[in-house]
C-alpha atoms as a PDB file:
ATOM      1  CA  MET A   1      96.085 -15.610 114.437  1.00  0.00           C
ATOM      2  CA  LEU A   2      99.952 -14.483 114.322  1.00  0.00           C
ATOM      3  CA  LYS A   3     100.433 -15.399 110.635  1.00  0.00           C
ATOM      4  CA  ILE A   4      97.356 -13.365 109.743  1.00  0.00           C
ATOM      5  CA  LEU A   5      98.973 -10.487 111.905  1.00  0.00           C
ATOM      6  CA  HIS A   6     102.539 -11.229 110.566  1.00  0.00           C
ATOM      7  CA  LEU A   7     100.692 -11.050 106.375  1.00  0.00           C
ATOM      8  CA  SER A   8      99.048  -7.867 107.707  1.00  0.00           C
ATOM      9  CA  LEU A   9     101.873  -6.386 108.835  1.00  0.00           C
ATOM     10  CA  LEU A  10     104.242  -7.303 105.839  1.00  0.00           C
ATOM     11  CA  LEU A  11     101.070  -5.691 103.319  1.00  0.00           C
ATOM     12  CA  PHE A  12     101.289  -2.654 105.360  1.00  0.00           C
ATOM     13  CA  GLY A  13     105.113  -2.558 105.300  1.00  0.00           C
ATOM     14  CA  ALA A  14     104.927  -2.747 101.438  1.00  0.00           C
ATOM     15  CA  VAL A  15     101.946  -0.237 101.315  1.00  0.00           C
ATOM     16  CA  PHE A  16     104.092   2.164 103.251  1.00  0.00           C
ATOM     17  CA  GLY A  17     107.002   1.550 101.530  1.00  0.00           C
ATOM     18  CA  SER A  18     105.751   2.272  98.296  1.00  0.00           C
ATOM     19  CA  CYS A  19     103.984   5.583  99.623  1.00  0.00           C
ATOM     20  CA  ALA A  20     107.574   6.517 101.363  1.00  0.00           C
ATOM     21  CA  ARG A  21     109.108   5.972  97.870  1.00  0.00           C
ATOM     22  CA  ALA A  22     106.762   8.531  96.066  1.00  0.00           C
ATOM     23  CA  GLU A  23     109.466  11.151  94.962  1.00  0.00           C
ATOM     24  CA  SER A  24     108.066  14.689  96.003  1.00  0.00           C
ATOM     25  CA  VAL A  25     108.622  17.535  93.394  1.00  0.00           C
ATOM     26  CA  LEU A  26     108.569  21.438  93.497  1.00  0.00           C
ATOM     27  CA  PHE A  27     108.139  22.542  90.306  1.00  0.00           C
ATOM     28  CA  LEU A  28     108.734  26.684  90.328  1.00  0.00           C
ATOM     29  CA  ASN A  29     106.443  27.705  87.444  1.00  0.00           C
ATOM     30  CA  PRO A  30     107.898  31.285  86.302  1.00  0.00           C
ATOM     31  CA  GLY A  31     104.096  32.560  84.788  1.00  0.00           C
ATOM     32  CA  THR A  32     101.154  33.766  86.405  1.00  0.00           C
ATOM     33  CA  GLU A  33      97.767  31.840  86.978  1.00  0.00           C
ATOM     34  CA  GLN A  34      95.676  33.988  84.283  1.00  0.00           C
ATOM     35  CA  GLU A  35      98.234  32.533  81.870  1.00  0.00           C
ATOM     36  CA  ALA A  36      96.602  29.952  79.600  1.00  0.00           C
ATOM     37  CA  PHE A  37     100.210  28.606  78.695  1.00  0.00           C
ATOM     38  CA  TRP A  38     101.417  27.960  82.301  1.00  0.00           C
ATOM     39  CA  VAL A  39      98.306  26.960  83.556  1.00  0.00           C
ATOM     40  CA  SER A  40      97.967  24.006  80.602  1.00  0.00           C
ATOM     41  CA  TYR A  41     101.804  23.397  81.230  1.00  0.00           C
ATOM     42  CA  SER A  42     101.144  22.980  85.308  1.00  0.00           C
ATOM     43  CA  GLN A  43      97.740  20.838  83.972  1.00  0.00           C
ATOM     44  CA  PHE A  44     100.148  18.558  82.154  1.00  0.00           C
ATOM     45  CA  MET A  45     102.354  18.270  84.781  1.00  0.00           C
ATOM     46  CA  GLN A  46      99.880  17.106  87.273  1.00  0.00           C
ATOM     47  CA  ALA A  47      98.210  14.604  84.461  1.00  0.00           C
ATOM     48  CA  ALA A  48     101.679  13.187  84.459  1.00  0.00           C
ATOM     49  CA  ALA A  49     102.139  13.138  88.455  1.00  0.00           C
ATOM     50  CA  ARG A  50      99.154  11.118  88.918  1.00  0.00           C
ATOM     51  CA  ASP A  51      99.529   8.514  86.852  1.00  0.00           C
ATOM     52  CA  LEU A  52     103.588   7.951  87.888  1.00  0.00           C
ATOM     53  CA  GLY A  53     102.317   8.622  91.490  1.00  0.00           C
ATOM     54  CA  ILE A  54     104.792  11.487  92.017  1.00  0.00           C
ATOM     55  CA  ASP A  55     104.204  14.139  94.593  1.00  0.00           C
ATOM     56  CA  LEU A  56     104.184  17.477  92.904  1.00  0.00           C
ATOM     57  CA  GLU A  57     103.666  20.477  94.360  1.00  0.00           C
ATOM     58  CA  ILE A  58     103.316  23.794  91.969  1.00  0.00           C
ATOM     59  CA  VAL A  59     104.044  27.486  93.032  1.00  0.00           C
ATOM     60  CA  TYR A  60     103.826  30.472  90.386  1.00  0.00           C
ATOM     61  CA  SER A  61     106.313  33.226  90.885  1.00  0.00           C
ATOM     62  CA  GLN A  62     104.258  35.757  88.673  1.00  0.00           C
ATOM     63  CA  ARG A  63     106.816  36.441  86.057  1.00  0.00           C
ATOM     64  CA  ARG A  64     109.045  38.149  89.047  1.00  0.00           C
ATOM     65  CA  PRO A  65     112.756  36.559  89.376  1.00  0.00           C
ATOM     66  CA  GLU A  66     112.934  37.981  92.923  1.00  0.00           C
ATOM     67  CA  GLN A  67     109.413  35.940  93.505  1.00  0.00           C
ATOM     68  CA  THR A  68     111.903  32.547  91.933  1.00  0.00           C
ATOM     69  CA  LEU A  69     114.504  33.000  94.056  1.00  0.00           C
ATOM     70  CA  ALA A  70     112.638  33.502  96.808  1.00  0.00           C
ATOM     71  CA  GLN A  71     110.455  30.438  96.481  1.00  0.00           C
ATOM     72  CA  ALA A  72     114.025  28.662  95.505  1.00  0.00           C
ATOM     73  CA  ARG A  73     115.549  29.270  99.034  1.00  0.00           C
ATOM     74  CA  LEU A  74     112.870  28.790 100.722  1.00  0.00           C
ATOM     75  CA  ALA A  75     112.416  24.831  98.868  1.00  0.00           C
ATOM     76  CA  LEU A  76     116.292  24.508  99.282  1.00  0.00           C
ATOM     77  CA  GLN A  77     116.810  25.711 102.879  1.00  0.00           C
ATOM     78  CA  GLY A  78     114.195  25.147 104.396  1.00  0.00           C
ATOM     79  CA  THR A  79     112.944  22.426 106.445  1.00  0.00           C
ATOM     80  CA  ARG A  80     110.591  20.423 104.207  1.00  0.00           C
ATOM     81  CA  ARG A  81     112.650  20.016 100.619  1.00  0.00           C
ATOM     82  CA  PRO A  82     111.754  18.179  98.132  1.00  0.00           C
ATOM     83  CA  ASP A  83     113.203  15.103  96.561  1.00  0.00           C
ATOM     84  CA  TYR A  84     113.396  17.220  93.064  1.00  0.00           C
ATOM     85  CA  LEU A  85     113.032  21.132  91.894  1.00  0.00           C
ATOM     86  CA  VAL A  86     112.144  22.083  88.868  1.00  0.00           C
ATOM     87  CA  PHE A  87     112.566  25.677  87.323  1.00  0.00           C
ATOM     88  CA  ALA A  88     113.202  27.589  84.029  1.00  0.00           C
ATOM     89  CA  ASN A  89     116.279  29.348  83.665  1.00  0.00           C
ATOM     90  CA  GLU A  90     113.904  32.376  82.936  1.00  0.00           C
ATOM     91  CA  GLN A  91     115.742  35.833  83.260  1.00  0.00           C
ATOM     92  CA  TYR A  92     119.274  33.835  83.970  1.00  0.00           C
ATOM     93  CA  VAL A  93     117.752  32.705  87.731  1.00  0.00           C
ATOM     94  CA  ALA A  94     119.818  29.382  87.138  1.00  0.00           C
ATOM     95  CA  PRO A  95     123.206  30.300  88.336  1.00  0.00           C
ATOM     96  CA  GLN A  96     121.657  32.224  91.645  1.00  0.00           C
ATOM     97  CA  ILE A  97     119.749  28.817  92.396  1.00  0.00           C
ATOM     98  CA  LEU A  98     122.439  26.285  91.873  1.00  0.00           C
ATOM     99  CA  ARG A  99     124.284  28.270  94.641  1.00  0.00           C
ATOM    100  CA  MET A 100     121.541  27.909  97.391  1.00  0.00           C
ATOM    101  CA  ALA A 101     121.248  24.395  96.184  1.00  0.00           C
ATOM    102  CA  HIS A 102     124.322  23.693  97.114  1.00  0.00           C
ATOM    103  CA  ASP A 103     124.799  20.961  99.831  1.00  0.00           C
ATOM    104  CA  SER A 104     121.114  21.111 100.113  1.00  0.00           C
ATOM    105  CA  GLY A 105     120.471  17.411  99.259  1.00  0.00           C
ATOM    106  CA  VAL A 106     117.925  18.442  96.558  1.00  0.00           C
ATOM    107  CA  LYS A 107     117.996  17.283  92.727  1.00  0.00           C
ATOM    108  CA  LEU A 108     117.820  19.995  89.995  1.00  0.00           C
ATOM    109  CA  PHE A 109     116.235  19.735  86.690  1.00  0.00           C
ATOM    110  CA  MET A 110     115.505  22.806  84.241  1.00  0.00           C
ATOM    111  CA  VAL A 111     112.973  23.107  81.966  1.00  0.00           C
ATOM    112  CA  ASN A 112     112.163  25.288  78.734  1.00  0.00           C
ATOM    113  CA  ALA A 113     115.447  27.495  78.973  1.00  0.00           C
ATOM    114  CA  ALA A 114     118.638  25.655  80.484  1.00  0.00           C
ATOM    115  CA  LEU A 115     121.969  27.101  81.198  1.00  0.00           C
ATOM    116  CA  THR A 116     123.641  29.674  78.780  1.00  0.00           C
ATOM    117  CA  PRO A 117     127.077  28.509  77.413  1.00  0.00           C
ATOM    118  CA  ASN A 118     128.594  31.095  79.688  1.00  0.00           C
ATOM    119  CA  GLN A 119     126.704  29.976  82.307  1.00  0.00           C
ATOM    120  CA  GLN A 120     127.744  26.344  81.898  1.00  0.00           C
ATOM    121  CA  SER A 121     131.464  27.199  81.933  1.00  0.00           C
ATOM    122  CA  LEU A 122     131.380  29.522  85.497  1.00  0.00           C
ATOM    123  CA  VAL A 123     129.047  26.696  86.843  1.00  0.00           C
ATOM    124  CA  GLY A 124     130.818  23.377  85.898  1.00  0.00           C
ATOM    125  CA  GLU A 125     129.530  19.839  86.305  1.00  0.00           C
ATOM    126  CA  ARG A 126     127.745  19.525  89.241  1.00  0.00           C
ATOM    127  CA  ALA A 127     126.296  16.076  90.492  1.00  0.00           C
ATOM    128  CA  ASP A 128     123.062  17.503  92.393  1.00  0.00           C
ATOM    129  CA  ARG A 129     121.738  18.899  88.521  1.00  0.00           C
ATOM    130  CA  ILE A 130     120.451  15.767  86.976  1.00  0.00           C
ATOM    131  CA  GLY A 131     119.474  17.502  83.417  1.00  0.00           C
ATOM    132  CA  SER A 132     117.386  19.736  81.217  1.00  0.00           C
ATOM    133  CA  LEU A 133     114.534  19.135  78.837  1.00  0.00           C
ATOM    134  CA  VAL A 134     114.155  22.460  76.347  1.00  0.00           C
ATOM    135  CA  PRO A 135     111.852  22.993  73.105  1.00  0.00           C
ATOM    136  CA  ASN A 136     113.112  24.095  69.559  1.00  0.00           C
ATOM    137  CA  ASP A 137     112.619  27.796  70.063  1.00  0.00           C
ATOM    138  CA  GLU A 138     115.083  28.790  67.403  1.00  0.00           C
ATOM    139  CA  GLU A 139     113.469  26.443  64.844  1.00  0.00           C
ATOM    140  CA  GLY A 140     109.938  27.761  66.163  1.00  0.00           C
ATOM    141  CA  GLY A 141     110.458  31.235  65.344  1.00  0.00           C
ATOM    142  CA  TYR A 142     111.688  30.068  62.058  1.00  0.00           C
ATOM    143  CA  LEU A 143     108.984  27.916  60.826  1.00  0.00           C
ATOM    144  CA  MET A 144     106.680  30.344  62.354  1.00  0.00           C
ATOM    145  CA  MET A 145     108.033  32.867  60.032  1.00  0.00           C
ATOM    146  CA  ASN A 146     108.386  30.969  56.914  1.00  0.00           C
ATOM    147  CA  GLU A 147     104.681  29.549  57.411  1.00  0.00           C
ATOM    148  CA  LEU A 148     103.537  33.390  57.197  1.00  0.00           C
ATOM    149  CA  ILE A 149     105.687  34.455  54.340  1.00  0.00           C
ATOM    150  CA  ARG A 150     104.452  31.036  52.417  1.00  0.00           C
ATOM    151  CA  LEU A 151     100.466  32.073  52.897  1.00  0.00           C
ATOM    152  CA  HIS A 152     101.178  36.073  52.182  1.00  0.00           C
ATOM    153  CA  PRO A 153      99.630  37.026  48.789  1.00  0.00           C
ATOM    154  CA  ALA A 154     102.655  37.147  46.159  1.00  0.00           C
ATOM    155  CA  VAL A 155     103.292  40.665  45.313  1.00  0.00           C
ATOM    156  CA  ALA A 156     105.477  42.188  42.335  1.00  0.00           C
ATOM    157  CA  PRO A 157     109.519  41.680  42.527  1.00  0.00           C
ATOM    158  CA  SER A 158     109.842  45.315  43.010  1.00  0.00           C
ATOM    159  CA  GLU A 159     107.186  45.326  45.642  1.00  0.00           C
ATOM    160  CA  GLU A 160     108.123  44.793  49.795  1.00  0.00           C
ATOM    161  CA  ILE A 161     106.010  42.732  52.259  1.00  0.00           C
ATOM    162  CA  GLU A 162     106.138  44.585  55.501  1.00  0.00           C
ATOM    163  CA  LEU A 163     106.167  42.988  59.066  1.00  0.00           C
ATOM    164  CA  LEU A 164     106.057  43.533  62.868  1.00  0.00           C
ATOM    165  CA  ALA A 165     107.018  41.407  65.337  1.00  0.00           C
ATOM    166  CA  PHE A 166     106.473  41.309  69.136  1.00  0.00           C
ATOM    167  CA  SER A 167     108.737  39.303  71.304  1.00  0.00           C
ATOM    168  CA  GLY A 168     108.717  39.048  75.074  1.00  0.00           C
ATOM    169  CA  LEU A 169     111.435  39.818  77.507  1.00  0.00           C
ATOM    170  CA  LYS A 170     114.551  40.419  76.275  1.00  0.00           C
ATOM    171  CA  ILE A 171     116.599  38.857  78.848  1.00  0.00           C
ATOM    172  CA  THR A 172     114.666  35.491  78.390  1.00  0.00           C
ATOM    173  CA  PRO A 173     116.221  32.435  76.481  1.00  0.00           C
ATOM    174  CA  SER A 174     113.180  31.180  74.572  1.00  0.00           C
ATOM    175  CA  ALA A 175     112.477  34.843  73.270  1.00  0.00           C
ATOM    176  CA  GLN A 176     116.122  35.272  72.192  1.00  0.00           C
ATOM    177  CA  LEU A 177     115.804  32.144  70.271  1.00  0.00           C
ATOM    178  CA  ARG A 178     112.554  32.992  68.476  1.00  0.00           C
ATOM    179  CA  GLU A 179     113.893  36.183  67.140  1.00  0.00           C
ATOM    180  CA  ARG A 180     116.861  34.218  65.699  1.00  0.00           C
ATOM    181  CA  GLY A 181     114.647  31.793  64.199  1.00  0.00           C
ATOM    182  CA  MET A 182     112.730  34.434  62.437  1.00  0.00           C
ATOM    183  CA  GLN A 183     115.604  36.588  61.139  1.00  0.00           C
ATOM    184  CA  ARG A 184     117.124  33.294  59.442  1.00  0.00           C
ATOM    185  CA  ALA A 185     113.641  32.753  57.766  1.00  0.00           C
ATOM    186  CA  LEU A 186     113.703  36.576  56.856  1.00  0.00           C
ATOM    187  CA  ALA A 187     117.266  36.075  55.554  1.00  0.00           C
ATOM    188  CA  GLU A 188     115.965  33.835  53.024  1.00  0.00           C
ATOM    189  CA  HIS A 189     113.143  35.983  52.259  1.00  0.00           C
ATOM    190  CA  PRO A 190     114.877  39.677  51.140  1.00  0.00           C
ATOM    191  CA  GLN A 191     111.495  41.033  50.012  1.00  0.00           C
ATOM    192  CA  VAL A 192     109.968  40.711  53.716  1.00  0.00           C
ATOM    193  CA  ARG A 193     111.152  43.994  55.445  1.00  0.00           C
ATOM    194  CA  LEU A 194     110.702  43.879  59.407  1.00  0.00           C
ATOM    195  CA  ARG A 195     109.977  47.474  60.064  1.00  0.00           C
ATOM    196  CA  GLN A 196     110.214  47.049  63.647  1.00  0.00           C
ATOM    197  CA  LEU A 197     110.932  44.119  66.587  1.00  0.00           C
ATOM    198  CA  VAL A 198     109.338  45.156  70.123  1.00  0.00           C
ATOM    199  CA  TYR A 199     109.202  43.832  73.185  1.00  0.00           C
ATOM    200  CA  SER A 200     106.032  43.570  75.019  1.00  0.00           C
ATOM    201  CA  GLY A 201     107.054  40.985  77.586  1.00  0.00           C
ATOM    202  CA  TRP A 202     104.835  38.632  76.913  1.00  0.00           C
ATOM    203  CA  THR A 203     101.667  40.775  77.483  1.00  0.00           C
ATOM    204  CA  ARG A 204      98.635  41.740  75.450  1.00  0.00           C
ATOM    205  CA  GLN A 205      98.286  45.335  76.741  1.00  0.00           C
ATOM    206  CA  ARG A 206     101.941  46.232  76.339  1.00  0.00           C
ATOM    207  CA  ALA A 207     101.392  44.729  72.682  1.00  0.00           C
ATOM    208  CA  TYR A 208      98.072  46.546  72.191  1.00  0.00           C
ATOM    209  CA  GLU A 209      99.457  49.450  72.859  1.00  0.00           C
ATOM    210  CA  GLN A 210     102.823  49.568  70.999  1.00  0.00           C
ATOM    211  CA  ALA A 211     100.729  47.998  67.869  1.00  0.00           C
ATOM    212  CA  ARG A 212      98.203  50.928  68.021  1.00  0.00           C
ATOM    213  CA  GLN A 213     101.649  53.597  67.595  1.00  0.00           C
ATOM    214  CA  LEU A 214     103.656  51.038  64.915  1.00  0.00           C
ATOM    215  CA  LEU A 215     100.121  50.569  63.008  1.00  0.00           C
ATOM    216  CA  ALA A 216     100.113  54.616  62.495  1.00  0.00           C
ATOM    217  CA  ARG A 217     103.963  54.861  61.952  1.00  0.00           C
ATOM    218  CA  TYR A 218     103.720  51.693  59.689  1.00  0.00           C
ATOM    219  CA  PRO A 219     100.649  51.652  57.870  1.00  0.00           C
ATOM    220  CA  LYS A 220     101.368  49.340  54.848  1.00  0.00           C
ATOM    221  CA  VAL A 221     102.198  46.320  57.217  1.00  0.00           C
ATOM    222  CA  SER A 222     100.844  43.000  56.673  1.00  0.00           C
ATOM    223  CA  LEU A 223     102.432  40.833  58.726  1.00  0.00           C
ATOM    224  CA  VAL A 224     102.655  40.232  62.133  1.00  0.00           C
ATOM    225  CA  TRP A 225     104.980  37.591  64.297  1.00  0.00           C
ATOM    226  CA  SER A 226     104.195  37.088  67.586  1.00  0.00           C
ATOM    227  CA  ALA A 227     106.429  34.976  69.806  1.00  0.00           C
ATOM    228  CA  ASN A 228     103.330  34.309  72.272  1.00  0.00           C
ATOM    229  CA  ASP A 229      99.346  33.905  71.889  1.00  0.00           C
ATOM    230  CA  GLU A 230      98.771  37.094  74.510  1.00  0.00           C
ATOM    231  CA  MET A 231     100.987  39.412  72.497  1.00  0.00           C
ATOM    232  CA  ALA A 232      99.546  38.121  68.746  1.00  0.00           C
ATOM    233  CA  PHE A 233      95.934  39.098  70.242  1.00  0.00           C
ATOM    234  CA  GLY A 234      96.719  42.319  71.673  1.00  0.00           C
ATOM    235  CA  ALA A 235      98.460  43.587  68.310  1.00  0.00           C
ATOM    236  CA  MET A 236      95.243  42.055  66.446  1.00  0.00           C
ATOM    237  CA  GLN A 237      93.062  43.976  69.116  1.00  0.00           C
ATOM    238  CA  ALA A 238      94.689  47.816  67.556  1.00  0.00           C
ATOM    239  CA  PHE A 239      94.310  46.592  63.794  1.00  0.00           C
ATOM    240  CA  THR A 240      90.789  45.520  64.051  1.00  0.00           C
ATOM    241  CA  GLU A 241      90.408  49.070  65.861  1.00  0.00           C
ATOM    242  CA  ALA A 242      91.988  50.320  63.053  1.00  0.00           C
ATOM    243  CA  GLY A 243      89.747  48.285  60.259  1.00  0.00           C
ATOM    244  CA  ARG A 244      92.150  46.318  59.375  1.00  0.00           C
ATOM    245  CA  VAL A 245      90.775  42.314  58.989  1.00  0.00           C
ATOM    246  CA  PRO A 246      92.885  40.233  60.306  1.00  0.00           C
ATOM    247  CA  GLY A 247      93.514  36.975  58.367  1.00  0.00           C
ATOM    248  CA  ARG A 248      92.251  39.211  55.495  1.00  0.00           C
ATOM    249  CA  ASP A 249      94.425  42.494  55.553  1.00  0.00           C
ATOM    250  CA  VAL A 250      97.083  41.213  57.766  1.00  0.00           C
ATOM    251  CA  LEU A 251      98.438  37.777  58.337  1.00  0.00           C
ATOM    252  CA  PHE A 252      98.850  36.889  62.350  1.00  0.00           C
ATOM    253  CA  SER A 253     100.700  34.393  63.910  1.00  0.00           C
ATOM    254  CA  ALA A 254     101.361  33.420  67.765  1.00  0.00           C
ATOM    255  CA  VAL A 255     102.960  30.655  69.665  1.00  0.00           C
ATOM    256  CA  ASN A 256     100.893  28.807  72.477  1.00  0.00           C
ATOM    257  CA  THR A 257      97.589  26.415  71.786  1.00  0.00           C
ATOM    258  CA  SER A 258      95.356  27.752  74.424  1.00  0.00           C
ATOM    259  CA  PRO A 259      92.139  27.879  73.494  1.00  0.00           C
ATOM    260  CA  ALA A 260      91.651  31.129  72.284  1.00  0.00           C
ATOM    261  CA  ALA A 261      94.336  30.834  70.080  1.00  0.00           C
ATOM    262  CA  LEU A 262      93.148  27.187  68.410  1.00  0.00           C
ATOM    263  CA  GLN A 263      89.902  28.962  67.942  1.00  0.00           C
ATOM    264  CA  ALA A 264      91.312  31.867  66.557  1.00  0.00           C
ATOM    265  CA  LEU A 265      93.287  29.563  63.922  1.00  0.00           C
ATOM    266  CA  LEU A 266      89.902  27.808  62.808  1.00  0.00           C
ATOM    267  CA  ASP A 267      88.159  31.150  62.716  1.00  0.00           C
ATOM    268  CA  GLY A 268      90.966  32.281  59.990  1.00  0.00           C
ATOM    269  CA  ARG A 269      92.078  35.083  62.599  1.00  0.00           C
ATOM    270  CA  LEU A 270      95.482  33.544  62.884  1.00  0.00           C
ATOM    271  CA  SER A 271      96.950  32.065  60.209  1.00  0.00           C
ATOM    272  CA  ALA A 272     100.258  30.313  61.934  1.00  0.00           C
ATOM    273  CA  LEU A 273     100.318  28.925  65.186  1.00  0.00           C
ATOM    274  CA  LEU A 274     103.310  26.830  66.852  1.00  0.00           C
ATOM    275  CA  GLY A 275     102.580  24.974  69.667  1.00  0.00           C
ATOM    276  CA  GLY A 276     103.363  21.652  71.877  1.00  0.00           C
ATOM    277  CA  HIS A 277     106.016  22.908  74.213  1.00  0.00           C
ATOM    278  CA  PHE A 278     103.304  23.044  77.070  1.00  0.00           C
ATOM    279  CA  THR A 279     103.981  19.542  77.296  1.00  0.00           C
ATOM    280  CA  LEU A 280     107.674  19.870  78.648  1.00  0.00           C
ATOM    281  CA  GLY A 281     107.138  19.592  82.331  1.00  0.00           C
ATOM    282  CA  GLY A 282     105.051  16.403  82.352  1.00  0.00           C
ATOM    283  CA  TRP A 283     108.062  14.800  79.999  1.00  0.00           C
ATOM    284  CA  ALA A 284     110.335  15.869  82.479  1.00  0.00           C
ATOM    285  CA  LEU A 285     108.697  13.839  85.327  1.00  0.00           C
ATOM    286  CA  VAL A 286     108.591  10.600  83.224  1.00  0.00           C
ATOM    287  CA  GLU A 287     112.691  11.140  83.312  1.00  0.00           C
ATOM    288  CA  LEU A 288     112.533  12.404  86.984  1.00  0.00           C
ATOM    289  CA  HIS A 289     110.621   9.326  87.995  1.00  0.00           C
ATOM    290  CA  ASP A 290     113.069   7.134  86.384  1.00  0.00           C
ATOM    291  CA  HIS A 291     116.299   9.120  87.575  1.00  0.00           C
ATOM    292  CA  ALA A 292     114.271   8.185  90.840  1.00  0.00           C
ATOM    293  CA  GLN A 293     114.500   4.657  90.188  1.00  0.00           C
ATOM    294  CA  GLY A 294     117.833   4.397  88.969  1.00  0.00           C
ATOM    295  CA  VAL A 295     117.408   4.848  85.422  1.00  0.00           C
ATOM    296  CA  ASP A 296     120.721   6.499  84.038  1.00  0.00           C
ATOM    297  CA  LEU A 297     119.592   9.341  81.749  1.00  0.00           C
ATOM    298  CA  ASP A 298     122.584   9.575  79.775  1.00  0.00           C
ATOM    299  CA  ARG A 299     122.293   5.885  77.950  1.00  0.00           C
ATOM    300  CA  TYR A 300     118.510   7.164  76.619  1.00  0.00           C
ATOM    301  CA  GLY A 301     119.602  10.515  75.191  1.00  0.00           C
ATOM    302  CA  GLY A 302     121.795  12.444  77.096  1.00  0.00           C
ATOM    303  CA  ARG A 303     120.834  14.500  80.368  1.00  0.00           C
ATOM    304  CA  ASP A 304     120.618  17.608  78.570  1.00  0.00           C
ATOM    305  CA  ARG A 305     118.085  17.487  75.639  1.00  0.00           C
ATOM    306  CA  GLN A 306     116.426  19.819  73.586  1.00  0.00           C
ATOM    307  CA  ILE A 307     113.210  17.845  71.755  1.00  0.00           C
ATOM    308  CA  PRO A 308     111.294  19.396  68.554  1.00  0.00           C
ATOM    309  CA  LEU A 309     108.066  19.803  70.801  1.00  0.00           C
ATOM    310  CA  MET A 310     107.479  23.227  68.499  1.00  0.00           C
ATOM    311  CA  GLN A 311     105.838  22.638  65.857  1.00  0.00           C
ATOM    312  CA  LEU A 312     102.793  23.977  62.981  1.00  0.00           C
ATOM    313  CA  ILE A 313      99.319  23.159  64.274  1.00  0.00           C
ATOM    314  CA  ASP A 314      96.604  22.669  61.639  1.00  0.00           C
ATOM    315  CA  LYS A 315      92.951  22.954  61.717  1.00  0.00           C
ATOM    316  CA  ALA A 316      92.621  19.128  62.337  1.00  0.00           C
ATOM    317  CA  GLN A 317      95.016  19.427  65.118  1.00  0.00           C
ATOM    318  CA  ALA A 318      93.207  22.408  66.757  1.00  0.00           C
ATOM    319  CA  ARG A 319      89.886  20.860  66.752  1.00  0.00           C
ATOM    320  CA  GLN A 320      91.046  17.731  68.539  1.00  0.00           C
ATOM    321  CA  MET A 321      93.303  19.644  70.633  1.00  0.00           C
ATOM    322  CA  LEU A 322      90.239  22.178  71.689  1.00  0.00           C
ATOM    323  CA  ALA A 323      88.097  18.605  71.927  1.00  0.00           C
ATOM    324  CA  MET A 324      90.864  17.378  74.915  1.00  0.00           C
ATOM    325  CA  GLY A 325      91.133  20.342  76.570  1.00  0.00           C
ATOM    326  CA  ASN A 326      89.002  19.832  79.372  1.00  0.00           C
ATOM    327  CA  SER A 327      90.491  15.831  79.894  1.00  0.00           C
ATOM    328  CA  PRO A 328      92.167  15.856  83.209  1.00  0.00           C
ATOM    329  CA  ASN A 329      94.599  13.234  82.288  1.00  0.00           C
ATOM    330  CA  TYR A 330      94.859  13.736  78.325  1.00  0.00           C
ATOM    331  CA  GLY A 331      94.660  10.156  77.902  1.00  0.00           C
ATOM    332  CA  VAL A 332      98.759   9.980  77.875  1.00  0.00           C
ATOM    333  CA  PRO A 333     100.250   6.693  79.238  1.00  0.00           C
ATOM    334  CA  PHE A 334     103.082   8.444  81.162  1.00  0.00           C
ATOM    335  CA  ARG A 335     104.303   5.133  83.253  1.00  0.00           C
ATOM    336  CA  LYS A 336     104.744   3.403  79.877  1.00  0.00           C
ATOM    337  CA  LEU A 337     106.629   5.482  78.255  1.00  0.00           C
ATOM    338  CA  SER A 338     109.729   4.669  80.902  1.00  0.00           C
ATOM    339  CA  ALA A 339     113.191   3.781  80.071  1.00  0.00           C
ATOM    340  CA  LYS A 340     113.546   1.596  83.193  1.00  0.00           C
ATOM    341  CA  GLY A 341     114.485  -2.218  81.706  1.00  0.00           C
ATOM    342  CA  ARG A 342     114.704  -0.754  78.071  1.00  0.00           C
ATOM    343  CA  PRO A 343     117.646  -1.281  75.893  1.00  0.00           C
ATOM    344  CA  ALA A 344     119.911   1.573  75.240  1.00  0.00           C
ATOM    345  CA  SER A 345     118.861   2.279  71.551  1.00  0.00           C
ATOM    346  CA  TYR A 346     115.575   3.267  73.648  1.00  0.00           C
ATOM    347  CA  ARG A 347     114.749   7.172  73.328  1.00  0.00           C
ATOM    348  CA  TYR A 348     111.904   8.616  75.281  1.00  0.00           C
ATOM    349  CA  PRO A 349     109.097   9.257  72.581  1.00  0.00           C
ATOM    350  CA  PHE A 350     108.350  13.064  73.692  1.00  0.00           C
ATOM    351  CA  SER A 351     106.182  14.695  70.720  1.00  0.00           C
ATOM    352  CA  LEU A 352     102.664  16.110  70.469  1.00  0.00           C
ATOM    353  CA  GLN A 353     102.161  13.121  68.502  1.00  0.00           C
ATOM    354  CA  THR A 354     102.426  10.892  71.533  1.00  0.00           C
ATOM    355  CA  LEU A 355      99.539  13.608  72.866  1.00  0.00           C
ATOM    356  CA  MET A 356      97.353  12.948  69.840  1.00  0.00           C
ATOM    357  CA  HIS A 357      97.381   9.455  69.826  1.00  0.00           C
END
């Protein structure tokens, strides 16, 4: 009887110990619960957390940096502190969060937008800042602009192709980088003339209002570049109301693989679609889980990394992604991606291909 009791206590201790070791992660989602991108981002993180056994909490800041900072303060200075705080340097909030985190015991990981070179030089190295993962935003803006130009019908050498561009927030690194990529593509195609670049704050309504005015000013526009899907749909609505047919009279591009964007690509209303970076938070959790188990992230590609997640989505991929949209776990074996026990040559296979296996 004593042996059985002793064994039971050992088993209880093993189970309790494994529960106690589950790392807790708080993600400060900079978006809203109404934005398809940030909702899909959270869903992919939740799938990763389930598979990895991570205690994940997600709070939304409704695109208000002051709310992000209030949430960070509560997490870093409150009584229930997470093991890890995951956040984006959206609207450059990172230095303030780093200041709050001093001596908190919470480990910090940045996604989507990391410290700028200037911020990094001011902040310096910190033991509690364990890493960052960002997508290839600049390359994404370039790929998308190039694809739009490639798809446009040929014009006479003396003619211009007119373009409108809708970007997000001026003080958001991802918007700036996507614009830079667009400008790089335009430098290679002098026949394409950017009539105007406007900031629509990532929102459909603002892009719609701006597009109505711009279309009256520039009636010959035949290309529309947008830094996300919501703004593309807002601009598309204005052009449609003016009698212009998307995909025929004017070609639109967008970023994000929301169901609406994927369907618009299949319908031909969107001509170029870029996506894949909604997976970033899920991949970050793989690294955090490894870090909690003593893995040195520097050995496997560096702690601060940009990964080429953003890629042009073709129609076959759009169909596949629409079909998997309601799958709660995405079928990704997150545990198997771990670097634990792997040779130093191992690199995390974080890509859209891993998702679309």
